[in-house]
PDB file of N, CA and C in Angstrom:
ATOM      1  N   MET A   1       0.908  -1.202  -0.119  1.00  0.00           N
ATOM      2  CA  MET A   1      -0.044   0.160   0.099  1.00  0.00           C
ATOM      3  C   MET A   1       0.728   1.296  -0.092  1.00  0.00           C
ATOM      4  N   VAL A   2       0.490   2.024  -0.551  1.00  0.00           N
ATOM      5  CA  VAL A   2       1.269   3.253  -0.929  1.00  0.00           C
ATOM      6  C   VAL A   2       1.133   4.418   0.113  1.00  0.00           C
ATOM      7  N   GLY A   3      -0.021   4.537   0.973  1.00  0.00           N
ATOM      8  CA  GLY A   3       0.142   5.284   1.915  1.00  0.00           C
ATOM      9  C   GLY A   3      -1.103   6.564   1.611  1.00  0.00           C
ATOM     10  N   LEU A   4      -0.462   7.802   1.814  1.00  0.00           N
ATOM     11  CA  LEU A   4      -1.101   8.878   1.445  1.00  0.00           C
ATOM     12  C   LEU A   4      -0.612   9.648   0.402  1.00  0.00           C
ATOM     13  N   ARG A   5       0.391   9.092  -0.143  1.00  0.00           N
ATOM     14  CA  ARG A   5       1.120   9.692  -1.239  1.00  0.00           C
ATOM     15  C   ARG A   5       0.289   9.318  -2.607  1.00  0.00           C
ATOM     16  N   LYS A   6       0.247  10.477  -3.271  1.00  0.00           N
ATOM     17  CA  LYS A   6      -0.732  10.450  -4.825  1.00  0.00           C
ATOM     18  C   LYS A   6       0.459  10.153  -5.679  1.00  0.00           C
ATOM     19  N   LEU A   7       0.218   9.089  -6.440  1.00  0.00           N
ATOM     20  CA  LEU A   7       0.795   8.624  -7.458  1.00  0.00           C
ATOM     21  C   LEU A   7       0.625   9.512  -9.047  1.00  0.00           C
ATOM     22  N   LEU A   8       1.305   9.928  -9.698  1.00  0.00           N
ATOM     23  CA  LEU A   8       1.397  10.361 -11.087  1.00  0.00           C
ATOM     24  C   LEU A   8       1.841   9.934 -11.966  1.00  0.00           C
ATOM     25  N   THR A   9       0.943   9.858 -13.235  1.00  0.00           N
ATOM     26  CA  THR A   9       1.564   9.247 -14.426  1.00  0.00           C
ATOM     27  C   THR A   9       2.724  10.325 -14.484  1.00  0.00           C
ATOM     28  N   VAL A  10       3.534  10.024 -16.056  1.00  0.00           N
ATOM     29  CA  VAL A  10       4.773  10.726 -16.350  1.00  0.00           C
ATOM     30  C   VAL A  10       4.022  12.005 -16.858  1.00  0.00           C
ATOM     31  N   ARG A  11       2.926  11.817 -17.493  1.00  0.00           N
ATOM     32  CA  ARG A  11       2.183  13.187 -18.265  1.00  0.00           C
ATOM     33  C   ARG A  11       1.782  13.894 -17.073  1.00  0.00           C
ATOM     34  N   GLU A  12       1.098  13.487 -16.136  1.00  0.00           N
ATOM     35  CA  GLU A  12       0.894  14.429 -15.014  1.00  0.00           C
ATOM     36  C   GLU A  12       1.649  14.835 -14.260  1.00  0.00           C
ATOM     37  N   ALA A  13       2.870  14.249 -14.021  1.00  0.00           N
ATOM     38  CA  ALA A  13       4.283  14.899 -13.327  1.00  0.00           C
ATOM     39  C   ALA A  13       4.485  16.083 -14.566  1.00  0.00           C
ATOM     40  N   ALA A  14       4.794  15.788 -15.675  1.00  0.00           N
ATOM     41  CA  ALA A  14       5.437  16.785 -16.591  1.00  0.00           C
ATOM     42  C   ALA A  14       4.551  18.167 -16.552  1.00  0.00           C
ATOM     43  N   LYS A  15       3.443  17.624 -16.593  1.00  0.00           N
ATOM     44  CA  LYS A  15       2.220  19.181 -16.624  1.00  0.00           C
ATOM     45  C   LYS A  15       2.556  20.008 -15.102  1.00  0.00           C
ATOM     46  N   ARG A  16       2.585  18.978 -14.144  1.00  0.00           N
ATOM     47  CA  ARG A  16       2.804  19.770 -12.950  1.00  0.00           C
ATOM     48  C   ARG A  16       4.006  20.538 -12.818  1.00  0.00           C
ATOM     49  N   LEU A  17       4.899  20.074 -13.271  1.00  0.00           N
ATOM     50  CA  LEU A  17       6.425  20.711 -13.414  1.00  0.00           C
ATOM     51  C   LEU A  17       6.747  21.471 -14.313  1.00  0.00           C
ATOM     52  N   ASP A  18       5.723  21.694 -15.351  1.00  0.00           N
ATOM     53  CA  ASP A  18       5.916  22.333 -16.512  1.00  0.00           C
ATOM     54  C   ASP A  18       7.261  21.940 -17.341  1.00  0.00           C
ATOM     55  N   LEU A  19       7.361  20.554 -17.616  1.00  0.00           N
ATOM     56  CA  LEU A  19       8.565  19.711 -18.293  1.00  0.00           C
ATOM     57  C   LEU A  19       7.632  18.732 -19.402  1.00  0.00           C
ATOM     58  N   THR A  20       8.584  18.452 -20.489  1.00  0.00           N
ATOM     59  CA  THR A  20       8.140  17.567 -21.591  1.00  0.00           C
ATOM     60  C   THR A  20       8.181  16.270 -20.556  1.00  0.00           C
ATOM     61  N   GLU A  21       7.283  15.463 -21.341  1.00  0.00           N
ATOM     62  CA  GLU A  21       7.323  13.931 -20.866  1.00  0.00           C
ATOM     63  C   GLU A  21       8.782  13.188 -20.887  1.00  0.00           C
ATOM     64  N   GLU A  22       9.487  13.543 -21.826  1.00  0.00           N
ATOM     65  CA  GLU A  22      10.847  13.026 -22.323  1.00  0.00           C
ATOM     66  C   GLU A  22      11.669  13.440 -21.005  1.00  0.00           C
ATOM     67  N   ARG A  23      11.574  14.904 -20.604  1.00  0.00           N
ATOM     68  CA  ARG A  23      12.517  15.265 -19.815  1.00  0.00           C
ATOM     69  C   ARG A  23      12.105  14.672 -18.269  1.00  0.00           C
ATOM     70  N   VAL A  24      11.199  14.434 -18.068  1.00  0.00           N
ATOM     71  CA  VAL A  24      10.510  13.538 -16.731  1.00  0.00           C
ATOM     72  C   VAL A  24      11.276  12.508 -16.920  1.00  0.00           C
ATOM     73  N   ARG A  25      11.071  11.746 -17.913  1.00  0.00           N
ATOM     74  CA  ARG A  25      11.513   9.986 -17.993  1.00  0.00           C
ATOM     75  C   ARG A  25      13.209  10.326 -17.816  1.00  0.00           C
ATOM     76  N   GLU A  26      13.645  11.237 -18.476  1.00  0.00           N
ATOM     77  CA  GLU A  26      15.427  11.900 -18.390  1.00  0.00           C
ATOM     78  C   GLU A  26      15.671  11.680 -16.808  1.00  0.00           C
ATOM     79  N   LEU A  27      14.882  12.476 -16.021  1.00  0.00           N
ATOM     80  CA  LEU A  27      15.053  12.752 -14.859  1.00  0.00           C
ATOM     81  C   LEU A  27      14.896  11.332 -13.815  1.00  0.00           C
ATOM     82  N   ILE A  28      13.601  10.724 -14.037  1.00  0.00           N
ATOM     83  CA  ILE A  28      13.420   9.465 -13.536  1.00  0.00           C
ATOM     84  C   ILE A  28      15.194   8.607 -13.841  1.00  0.00           C
ATOM     85  N   ASN A  29      15.446   8.461 -15.024  1.00  0.00           N
ATOM     86  CA  ASN A  29      16.842   7.600 -15.396  1.00  0.00           C
ATOM     87  C   ASN A  29      17.660   8.187 -14.379  1.00  0.00           C
ATOM     88  N   LEU A  30      17.721   9.462 -14.378  1.00  0.00           N
ATOM     89  CA  LEU A  30      18.831   9.708 -13.543  1.00  0.00           C
ATOM     90  C   LEU A  30      18.684   9.754 -12.324  1.00  0.00           C
ATOM     91  N   LYS A  31      17.420   9.095 -11.806  1.00  0.00           N
ATOM     92  CA  LYS A  31      17.335   9.019 -10.274  1.00  0.00           C
ATOM     93  C   LYS A  31      16.989  10.486  -9.694  1.00  0.00           C
ATOM     94  N   GLN A  32      16.906  11.435 -10.252  1.00  0.00           N
ATOM     95  CA  GLN A  32      16.338  12.655  -9.610  1.00  0.00           C
ATOM     96  C   GLN A  32      15.063  12.869  -9.053  1.00  0.00           C
ATOM     97  N   ILE A  33      13.931  11.868  -9.829  1.00  0.00           N
ATOM     98  CA  ILE A  33      12.631  11.623  -9.641  1.00  0.00           C
ATOM     99  C   ILE A  33      12.528  10.283  -9.481  1.00  0.00           C
ATOM    100  N   ARG A  34      11.972  10.136  -7.992  1.00  0.00           N
ATOM    101  CA  ARG A  34      11.408   8.538  -7.832  1.00  0.00           C
ATOM    102  C   ARG A  34      10.286   8.125  -8.632  1.00  0.00           C
ATOM    103  N   ALA A  35      10.269   6.956  -9.079  1.00  0.00           N
ATOM    104  CA  ALA A  35       9.490   6.404  -9.896  1.00  0.00           C
ATOM    105  C   ALA A  35       9.137   4.989  -9.831  1.00  0.00           C
ATOM    106  N   THR A  36       7.728   4.578  -9.850  1.00  0.00           N
ATOM    107  CA  THR A  36       7.864   3.026  -9.499  1.00  0.00           C
ATOM    108  C   THR A  36       6.664   2.640 -10.846  1.00  0.00           C
ATOM    109  N   LYS A  37       7.177   1.840 -11.378  1.00  0.00           N
ATOM    110  CA  LYS A  37       6.205   1.260 -12.558  1.00  0.00           C
ATOM    111  C   LYS A  37       5.038   0.211 -11.976  1.00  0.00           C
ATOM    112  N   ILE A  38       3.610   0.518 -12.389  1.00  0.00           N
ATOM    113  CA  ILE A  38       2.821  -0.291 -11.964  1.00  0.00           C
ATOM    114  C   ILE A  38       2.042  -0.875 -13.464  1.00  0.00           C
ATOM    115  N   LYS A  39       1.891  -2.268 -13.074  1.00  0.00           N
ATOM    116  CA  LYS A  39       1.267  -3.074 -14.001  1.00  0.00           C
ATOM    117  C   LYS A  39      -0.185  -2.858 -13.987  1.00  0.00           C
ATOM    118  N   LYS A  40      -0.877  -2.834 -14.997  1.00  0.00           N
ATOM    119  CA  LYS A  40      -2.341  -2.931 -14.876  1.00  0.00           C
ATOM    120  C   LYS A  40      -3.179  -4.280 -14.865  1.00  0.00           C
TER     121      LYS A  40
END
């Protein structure tokens, strides 16, 4: 269980951070943004 944290899609994070989705993915790969892959 995640608790009270809200999970965002890459698209939602990009919009909130005023970045492109590509840049958000780069930051995830650089470990500057924590991410979790969730399978449906």
